């Protein structure tokens, strides 16, 4: 998946000469956390965050301070406060690469540009969350089973699990993995079947497996061979 599939493309932007008072209104009405700043050719010139605006004109406590804040915001321009020449990413960046960059650089959002450097959209941490939910199939229900597998790609253990689910007419919705150590991987498989009884039958065929750590359905997580958890966790 690429950034262009998940970004907000109808992005609102401002210019370096936009008044800070106008930006404050945008932040309040649209609930944005950041605004891309563009030049006359819509190339990214900066990034203005709600936090920067608050630091420029702190929240008032008295009537006089409120008037002083409004005056300062009305006279102030975006170019005085924005982060100039912020990091940007191309439309064709893989979503996971964008997420890594955002984590490593503590960036809650990134302007997205086309091949000519023109603003095409913005990707935020919430867009990453939306993508995660879609990838895992969490909104589609079904059953999640979590395994720890020894060299799953070399031993064929993952393939065996998937084939077992399919042989019982299970519909595999997602398969995700991450390294546990140098030879083992955590693997999460979400599947769905024709009805709850069919899902229970598939689950039953795996409950005796020491590779299965837990399973989850309808907001309840059941520990199987996970020593870090016992019983049912309400999530």
C-alpha atoms as a PDB file:
ATOM      1  CA  UNK A   1       0.000   0.000   0.000  1.00  0.00           C
ATOM      2  CA  UNK A   2       1.222   3.448  -0.902  1.00  0.00           C
ATOM      3  CA  UNK A   3       0.806   6.741   0.903  1.00  0.00           C
ATOM      4  CA  UNK A   4      -1.452   8.032  -1.881  1.00  0.00           C
ATOM      5  CA  UNK A   5      -4.005   5.338  -1.014  1.00  0.00           C
ATOM      6  CA  UNK A   6      -4.391   6.564   2.585  1.00  0.00           C
ATOM      7  CA  UNK A   7      -3.547  10.261   2.663  1.00  0.00           C
ATOM      8  CA  UNK A   8      -6.060  13.106   2.843  1.00  0.00           C
ATOM      9  CA  UNK A   9      -5.965  14.466  -0.689  1.00  0.00           C
ATOM     10  CA  UNK A  10      -8.436  17.324  -0.319  1.00  0.00           C
ATOM     11  CA  UNK A  11      -6.007  19.095   1.977  1.00  0.00           C
ATOM     12  CA  UNK A  12      -6.494  22.639   3.205  1.00  0.00           C
ATOM     13  CA  UNK A  13      -3.338  24.766   3.059  1.00  0.00           C
ATOM     14  CA  UNK A  14      -2.266  28.316   3.868  1.00  0.00           C
ATOM     15  CA  UNK A  15       0.459  30.629   2.607  1.00  0.00           C
ATOM     16  CA  UNK A  16       3.333  32.231   4.523  1.00  0.00           C
ATOM     17  CA  UNK A  17       1.374  35.514   4.451  1.00  0.00           C
ATOM     18  CA  UNK A  18      -1.823  34.088   5.943  1.00  0.00           C
ATOM     19  CA  UNK A  19      -2.731  35.702   9.263  1.00  0.00           C
ATOM     20  CA  UNK A  20      -2.369  33.606  12.363  1.00  0.00           C
ATOM     21  CA  UNK A  21      -5.856  34.656  13.444  1.00  0.00           C
ATOM     22  CA  UNK A  22      -7.278  32.984  10.327  1.00  0.00           C
ATOM     23  CA  UNK A  23      -5.256  29.851  11.105  1.00  0.00           C
ATOM     24  CA  UNK A  24      -6.572  29.803  14.654  1.00  0.00           C
ATOM     25  CA  UNK A  25     -10.115  29.819  13.257  1.00  0.00           C
ATOM     26  CA  UNK A  26      -9.267  26.937  10.898  1.00  0.00           C
ATOM     27  CA  UNK A  27      -7.738  24.879  13.705  1.00  0.00           C
ATOM     28  CA  UNK A  28     -10.779  25.473  15.897  1.00  0.00           C
ATOM     29  CA  UNK A  29     -13.440  24.784  13.273  1.00  0.00           C
ATOM     30  CA  UNK A  30     -11.787  21.907  11.392  1.00  0.00           C
ATOM     31  CA  UNK A  31     -10.054  20.234  14.341  1.00  0.00           C
ATOM     32  CA  UNK A  32      -6.764  20.076  12.456  1.00  0.00           C
ATOM     33  CA  UNK A  33      -3.450  19.542  14.218  1.00  0.00           C
ATOM     34  CA  UNK A  34      -1.321  20.950  11.391  1.00  0.00           C
ATOM     35  CA  UNK A  35      -1.571  22.974   8.189  1.00  0.00           C
ATOM     36  CA  UNK A  36       0.776  22.711   5.180  1.00  0.00           C
ATOM     37  CA  UNK A  37       2.146  26.055   4.076  1.00  0.00           C
ATOM     38  CA  UNK A  38       2.575  26.506   0.320  1.00  0.00           C
ATOM     39  CA  UNK A  39       4.040  29.121  -2.017  1.00  0.00           C
ATOM     40  CA  UNK A  40       2.395  30.511  -5.164  1.00  0.00           C
ATOM     41  CA  UNK A  41       3.193  27.279  -7.059  1.00  0.00           C
ATOM     42  CA  UNK A  42       1.732  25.122  -4.255  1.00  0.00           C
ATOM     43  CA  UNK A  43       5.143  23.804  -3.336  1.00  0.00           C
ATOM     44  CA  UNK A  44       5.551  23.082   0.364  1.00  0.00           C
ATOM     45  CA  UNK A  45       7.229  26.011   2.085  1.00  0.00           C
ATOM     46  CA  UNK A  46       6.482  25.122   5.667  1.00  0.00           C
ATOM     47  CA  UNK A  47       4.254  23.432   8.227  1.00  0.00           C
ATOM     48  CA  UNK A  48       2.218  25.157  10.915  1.00  0.00           C
ATOM     49  CA  UNK A  49       1.002  23.177  13.924  1.00  0.00           C
ATOM     50  CA  UNK A  50      -1.665  24.042  16.458  1.00  0.00           C
ATOM     51  CA  UNK A  51       0.995  23.714  19.135  1.00  0.00           C
ATOM     52  CA  UNK A  52       3.159  26.384  17.488  1.00  0.00           C
ATOM     53  CA  UNK A  53       0.169  28.696  17.341  1.00  0.00           C
ATOM     54  CA  UNK A  54      -0.581  28.161  21.028  1.00  0.00           C
ATOM     55  CA  UNK A  55       3.018  28.915  21.956  1.00  0.00           C
ATOM     56  CA  UNK A  56       2.951  32.115  19.904  1.00  0.00           C
ATOM     57  CA  UNK A  57      -0.227  33.348  21.589  1.00  0.00           C
ATOM     58  CA  UNK A  58      -0.841  31.498  24.881  1.00  0.00           C
ATOM     59  CA  UNK A  59      -4.408  30.995  26.074  1.00  0.00           C
ATOM     60  CA  UNK A  60      -5.750  34.092  27.802  1.00  0.00           C
ATOM     61  CA  UNK A  61      -7.152  34.242  31.332  1.00  0.00           C
ATOM     62  CA  UNK A  62      -8.559  37.773  31.544  1.00  0.00           C
ATOM     63  CA  UNK A  63     -10.469  40.020  29.185  1.00  0.00           C
ATOM     64  CA  UNK A  64      -7.434  42.218  28.610  1.00  0.00           C
ATOM     65  CA  UNK A  65      -5.234  39.214  27.874  1.00  0.00           C
ATOM     66  CA  UNK A  66      -7.833  37.902  25.423  1.00  0.00           C
ATOM     67  CA  UNK A  67      -7.791  41.176  23.499  1.00  0.00           C
ATOM     68  CA  UNK A  68      -4.002  41.172  23.527  1.00  0.00           C
ATOM     69  CA  UNK A  69      -3.966  37.616  22.184  1.00  0.00           C
ATOM     70  CA  UNK A  70      -6.380  38.458  19.366  1.00  0.00           C
ATOM     71  CA  UNK A  71      -4.327  41.507  18.440  1.00  0.00           C
ATOM     72  CA  UNK A  72      -1.136  39.500  18.322  1.00  0.00           C
ATOM     73  CA  UNK A  73      -2.724  36.788  16.187  1.00  0.00           C
ATOM     74  CA  UNK A  74      -4.273  39.341  13.814  1.00  0.00           C
ATOM     75  CA  UNK A  75      -0.909  41.015  13.257  1.00  0.00           C
ATOM     76  CA  UNK A  76       1.126  37.804  13.106  1.00  0.00           C
ATOM     77  CA  UNK A  77       1.804  35.916   9.895  1.00  0.00           C
ATOM     78  CA  UNK A  78       2.319  32.204   9.295  1.00  0.00           C
ATOM     79  CA  UNK A  79       5.916  32.720   8.136  1.00  0.00           C
ATOM     80  CA  UNK A  80       6.842  34.004  11.607  1.00  0.00           C
ATOM     81  CA  UNK A  81       5.815  30.790  13.342  1.00  0.00           C
ATOM     82  CA  UNK A  82       5.887  27.914  10.846  1.00  0.00           C
ATOM     83  CA  UNK A  83       8.547  25.245  10.530  1.00  0.00           C
ATOM     84  CA  UNK A  84      10.279  26.128   7.237  1.00  0.00           C
ATOM     85  CA  UNK A  85      11.179  23.483   4.633  1.00  0.00           C
ATOM     86  CA  UNK A  86       9.597  20.558   6.532  1.00  0.00           C
ATOM     87  CA  UNK A  87      10.168  16.943   5.582  1.00  0.00           C
ATOM     88  CA  UNK A  88       7.864  15.734   2.823  1.00  0.00           C
ATOM     89  CA  UNK A  89       7.250  12.350   1.204  1.00  0.00           C
ATOM     90  CA  UNK A  90       6.335  11.333  -2.359  1.00  0.00           C
ATOM     91  CA  UNK A  91       2.946   9.922  -3.297  1.00  0.00           C
ATOM     92  CA  UNK A  92       4.555   6.583  -4.107  1.00  0.00           C
ATOM     93  CA  UNK A  93       6.134   6.032  -0.677  1.00  0.00           C
ATOM     94  CA  UNK A  94       5.081   2.693   0.889  1.00  0.00           C
ATOM     95  CA  UNK A  95       2.837   3.400   3.869  1.00  0.00           C
ATOM     96  CA  UNK A  96       5.063   1.423   6.239  1.00  0.00           C
ATOM     97  CA  UNK A  97       8.096   3.530   5.249  1.00  0.00           C
ATOM     98  CA  UNK A  98       6.125   6.671   6.030  1.00  0.00           C
ATOM     99  CA  UNK A  99       5.165   5.222   9.420  1.00  0.00           C
ATOM    100  CA  UNK A 100       8.800   4.401  10.231  1.00  0.00           C
ATOM    101  CA  UNK A 101       9.880   7.935   9.318  1.00  0.00           C
ATOM    102  CA  UNK A 102       7.104   9.467  11.423  1.00  0.00           C
ATOM    103  CA  UNK A 103       8.049   7.338  14.441  1.00  0.00           C
ATOM    104  CA  UNK A 104      11.788   7.964  14.112  1.00  0.00           C
ATOM    105  CA  UNK A 105      11.282  11.716  13.729  1.00  0.00           C
ATOM    106  CA  UNK A 106       8.351  12.115  16.147  1.00  0.00           C
ATOM    107  CA  UNK A 107       6.300  13.582  13.285  1.00  0.00           C
ATOM    108  CA  UNK A 108       2.504  13.424  13.747  1.00  0.00           C
ATOM    109  CA  UNK A 109       1.989  14.203  10.048  1.00  0.00           C
ATOM    110  CA  UNK A 110       3.829  14.639   6.747  1.00  0.00           C
ATOM    111  CA  UNK A 111       2.942  16.696   3.661  1.00  0.00           C
ATOM    112  CA  UNK A 112       2.767  14.512   0.553  1.00  0.00           C
ATOM    113  CA  UNK A 113       4.074  15.837  -2.761  1.00  0.00           C
ATOM    114  CA  UNK A 114       3.849  14.748  -6.390  1.00  0.00           C
ATOM    115  CA  UNK A 115       6.814  14.243  -8.737  1.00  0.00           C
ATOM    116  CA  UNK A 116       6.998  18.025  -9.281  1.00  0.00           C
ATOM    117  CA  UNK A 117       7.149  18.761  -5.574  1.00  0.00           C
ATOM    118  CA  UNK A 118       3.591  20.141  -5.526  1.00  0.00           C
ATOM    119  CA  UNK A 119       1.434  19.491  -2.460  1.00  0.00           C
ATOM    120  CA  UNK A 120      -0.829  16.501  -3.154  1.00  0.00           C
ATOM    121  CA  UNK A 121      -2.072  15.682   0.343  1.00  0.00           C
ATOM    122  CA  UNK A 122      -1.122  15.026   3.924  1.00  0.00           C
ATOM    123  CA  UNK A 123      -0.644  11.786   5.849  1.00  0.00           C
ATOM    124  CA  UNK A 124      -1.268  11.741   9.605  1.00  0.00           C
ATOM    125  CA  UNK A 125      -0.856   9.281  12.433  1.00  0.00           C
ATOM    126  CA  UNK A 126      -4.635   8.729  12.296  1.00  0.00           C
ATOM    127  CA  UNK A 127      -4.327   7.680   8.654  1.00  0.00           C
ATOM    128  CA  UNK A 128      -1.770   5.082   9.772  1.00  0.00           C
ATOM    129  CA  UNK A 129      -4.218   3.823  12.408  1.00  0.00           C
ATOM    130  CA  UNK A 130      -6.981   3.562   9.782  1.00  0.00           C
ATOM    131  CA  UNK A 131      -4.681   1.553   7.543  1.00  0.00           C
ATOM    132  CA  UNK A 132      -3.782  -0.793  10.411  1.00  0.00           C
ATOM    133  CA  UNK A 133      -7.439  -1.465  11.134  1.00  0.00           C
ATOM    134  CA  UNK A 134      -8.097  -2.163   7.449  1.00  0.00           C
ATOM    135  CA  UNK A 135      -5.045  -4.420   7.052  1.00  0.00           C
ATOM    136  CA  UNK A 136      -5.897  -6.539  10.082  1.00  0.00           C
ATOM    137  CA  UNK A 137      -9.571  -6.842   9.139  1.00  0.00           C
ATOM    138  CA  UNK A 138     -10.500  -5.919  12.713  1.00  0.00           C
ATOM    139  CA  UNK A 139     -13.735  -4.177  11.690  1.00  0.00           C
ATOM    140  CA  UNK A 140     -14.868  -7.262   9.785  1.00  0.00           C
ATOM    141  CA  UNK A 141     -15.090  -9.449  12.869  1.00  0.00           C
ATOM    142  CA  UNK A 142     -14.123 -13.089  12.679  1.00  0.00           C
ATOM    143  CA  UNK A 143     -11.607 -14.833  14.915  1.00  0.00           C
ATOM    144  CA  UNK A 144      -8.004 -13.830  15.567  1.00  0.00           C
ATOM    145  CA  UNK A 145      -5.502 -16.558  16.467  1.00  0.00           C
ATOM    146  CA  UNK A 146      -1.961 -15.675  17.566  1.00  0.00           C
ATOM    147  CA  UNK A 147       0.891 -18.178  17.235  1.00  0.00           C
ATOM    148  CA  UNK A 148       4.609 -18.300  17.940  1.00  0.00           C
ATOM    149  CA  UNK A 149       6.232 -20.315  15.146  1.00  0.00           C
ATOM    150  CA  UNK A 150       9.765 -21.644  14.790  1.00  0.00           C
ATOM    151  CA  UNK A 151      11.213 -20.630  11.402  1.00  0.00           C
ATOM    152  CA  UNK A 152       7.717 -20.634   9.847  1.00  0.00           C
ATOM    153  CA  UNK A 153       8.901 -20.027   6.295  1.00  0.00           C
ATOM    154  CA  UNK A 154      11.552 -22.737   6.397  1.00  0.00           C
ATOM    155  CA  UNK A 155       9.585 -25.380   8.279  1.00  0.00           C
ATOM    156  CA  UNK A 156       6.299 -24.770   6.504  1.00  0.00           C
ATOM    157  CA  UNK A 157       4.453 -24.414   9.814  1.00  0.00           C
ATOM    158  CA  UNK A 158       2.607 -21.294   8.685  1.00  0.00           C
ATOM    159  CA  UNK A 159       1.515 -22.938   5.470  1.00  0.00           C
ATOM    160  CA  UNK A 160       0.239 -25.933   7.421  1.00  0.00           C
ATOM    161  CA  UNK A 161      -1.903 -23.697   9.646  1.00  0.00           C
ATOM    162  CA  UNK A 162      -3.380 -21.825   6.702  1.00  0.00           C
ATOM    163  CA  UNK A 163      -4.150 -25.060   4.869  1.00  0.00           C
ATOM    164  CA  UNK A 164      -5.829 -26.475   7.965  1.00  0.00           C
ATOM    165  CA  UNK A 165      -8.083 -23.417   8.224  1.00  0.00           C
ATOM    166  CA  UNK A 166      -8.941 -23.605   4.529  1.00  0.00           C
ATOM    167  CA  UNK A 167      -9.644 -27.337   4.734  1.00  0.00           C
ATOM    168  CA  UNK A 168     -12.380 -26.550   7.276  1.00  0.00           C
ATOM    169  CA  UNK A 169     -13.911 -23.899   4.988  1.00  0.00           C
ATOM    170  CA  UNK A 170     -12.398 -20.991   6.874  1.00  0.00           C
ATOM    171  CA  UNK A 171     -11.948 -17.720   4.996  1.00  0.00           C
ATOM    172  CA  UNK A 172      -8.551 -16.189   5.840  1.00  0.00           C
ATOM    173  CA  UNK A 173      -8.861 -12.425   6.211  1.00  0.00           C
ATOM    174  CA  UNK A 174      -5.336 -11.393   7.209  1.00  0.00           C
ATOM    175  CA  UNK A 175      -1.931 -12.802   8.133  1.00  0.00           C
ATOM    176  CA  UNK A 176       0.547 -10.602  10.017  1.00  0.00           C
ATOM    177  CA  UNK A 177       3.942 -11.484  11.464  1.00  0.00           C
ATOM    178  CA  UNK A 178       6.747  -9.980  13.498  1.00  0.00           C
ATOM    179  CA  UNK A 179      10.050 -11.303  14.839  1.00  0.00           C
ATOM    180  CA  UNK A 180      10.042 -12.652  18.409  1.00  0.00           C
ATOM    181  CA  UNK A 181      13.732 -13.593  18.384  1.00  0.00           C
ATOM    182  CA  UNK A 182      16.343 -14.816  15.889  1.00  0.00           C
ATOM    183  CA  UNK A 183      14.396 -17.938  14.904  1.00  0.00           C
ATOM    184  CA  UNK A 184      10.790 -17.479  16.044  1.00  0.00           C
ATOM    185  CA  UNK A 185       8.050 -15.224  14.741  1.00  0.00           C
ATOM    186  CA  UNK A 186       4.777 -14.038  16.194  1.00  0.00           C
ATOM    187  CA  UNK A 187       2.068 -14.687  13.611  1.00  0.00           C
ATOM    188  CA  UNK A 188      -1.515 -13.437  13.844  1.00  0.00           C
ATOM    189  CA  UNK A 189      -4.164 -14.965  11.591  1.00  0.00           C
ATOM    190  CA  UNK A 190      -7.701 -13.625  11.338  1.00  0.00           C
ATOM    191  CA  UNK A 191     -10.301 -15.881   9.773  1.00  0.00           C
ATOM    192  CA  UNK A 192     -14.023 -16.084   9.352  1.00  0.00           C
ATOM    193  CA  UNK A 193     -16.363 -19.009   8.692  1.00  0.00           C
ATOM    194  CA  UNK A 194     -19.970 -19.458   7.607  1.00  0.00           C
ATOM    195  CA  UNK A 195     -21.272 -19.268  11.185  1.00  0.00           C
ATOM    196  CA  UNK A 196     -20.134 -19.308  14.792  1.00  0.00           C
ATOM    197  CA  UNK A 197     -20.326 -23.090  15.034  1.00  0.00           C
ATOM    198  CA  UNK A 198     -17.997 -23.429  12.058  1.00  0.00           C
ATOM    199  CA  UNK A 199     -15.566 -20.973  13.630  1.00  0.00           C
ATOM    200  CA  UNK A 200     -15.699 -22.907  16.901  1.00  0.00           C
ATOM    201  CA  UNK A 201     -14.844 -26.116  15.060  1.00  0.00           C
ATOM    202  CA  UNK A 202     -11.769 -24.511  13.496  1.00  0.00           C
ATOM    203  CA  UNK A 203     -10.717 -23.059  16.843  1.00  0.00           C
ATOM    204  CA  UNK A 204     -11.112 -26.437  18.536  1.00  0.00           C
ATOM    205  CA  UNK A 205      -8.705 -28.029  16.078  1.00  0.00           C
ATOM    206  CA  UNK A 206      -5.958 -25.617  17.218  1.00  0.00           C
ATOM    207  CA  UNK A 207      -6.520 -25.405  20.974  1.00  0.00           C
ATOM    208  CA  UNK A 208      -4.180 -28.296  21.763  1.00  0.00           C
ATOM    209  CA  UNK A 209      -1.349 -26.763  19.717  1.00  0.00           C
ATOM    210  CA  UNK A 210       1.474 -25.392  21.859  1.00  0.00           C
ATOM    211  CA  UNK A 211       2.144 -22.876  19.100  1.00  0.00           C
ATOM    212  CA  UNK A 212      -1.174 -21.120  19.768  1.00  0.00           C
ATOM    213  CA  UNK A 213      -0.772 -18.358  22.358  1.00  0.00           C
ATOM    214  CA  UNK A 214      -4.218 -16.768  22.419  1.00  0.00           C
ATOM    215  CA  UNK A 215      -7.349 -16.224  20.375  1.00  0.00           C
ATOM    216  CA  UNK A 216      -9.777 -13.332  20.262  1.00  0.00           C
ATOM    217  CA  UNK A 217     -13.364 -12.761  19.146  1.00  0.00           C
ATOM    218  CA  UNK A 218     -16.045 -10.163  19.886  1.00  0.00           C
ATOM    219  CA  UNK A 219     -13.781  -8.108  22.151  1.00  0.00           C
ATOM    220  CA  UNK A 220     -12.671 -11.020  24.344  1.00  0.00           C
ATOM    221  CA  UNK A 221      -9.127 -12.365  24.311  1.00  0.00           C
ATOM    222  CA  UNK A 222      -8.573 -15.903  25.591  1.00  0.00           C
ATOM    223  CA  UNK A 223      -5.112 -17.021  26.687  1.00  0.00           C
ATOM    224  CA  UNK A 224      -4.110 -20.544  25.665  1.00  0.00           C
ATOM    225  CA  UNK A 225      -0.357 -21.095  26.059  1.00  0.00           C
ATOM    226  CA  UNK A 226       0.663 -17.525  26.881  1.00  0.00           C
ATOM    227  CA  UNK A 227       2.283 -17.434  30.318  1.00  0.00           C
ATOM    228  CA  UNK A 228       1.985 -13.641  30.402  1.00  0.00           C
ATOM    229  CA  UNK A 229      -1.825 -13.738  30.490  1.00  0.00           C
ATOM    230  CA  UNK A 230      -4.501 -15.879  32.091  1.00  0.00           C
ATOM    231  CA  UNK A 231      -8.215 -16.219  31.552  1.00  0.00           C
ATOM    232  CA  UNK A 232     -10.275 -13.775  29.547  1.00  0.00           C
ATOM    233  CA  UNK A 233      -9.191 -10.197  28.927  1.00  0.00           C
ATOM    234  CA  UNK A 234     -11.892  -7.623  28.165  1.00  0.00           C
ATOM    235  CA  UNK A 235     -10.607  -5.305  25.428  1.00  0.00           C
END
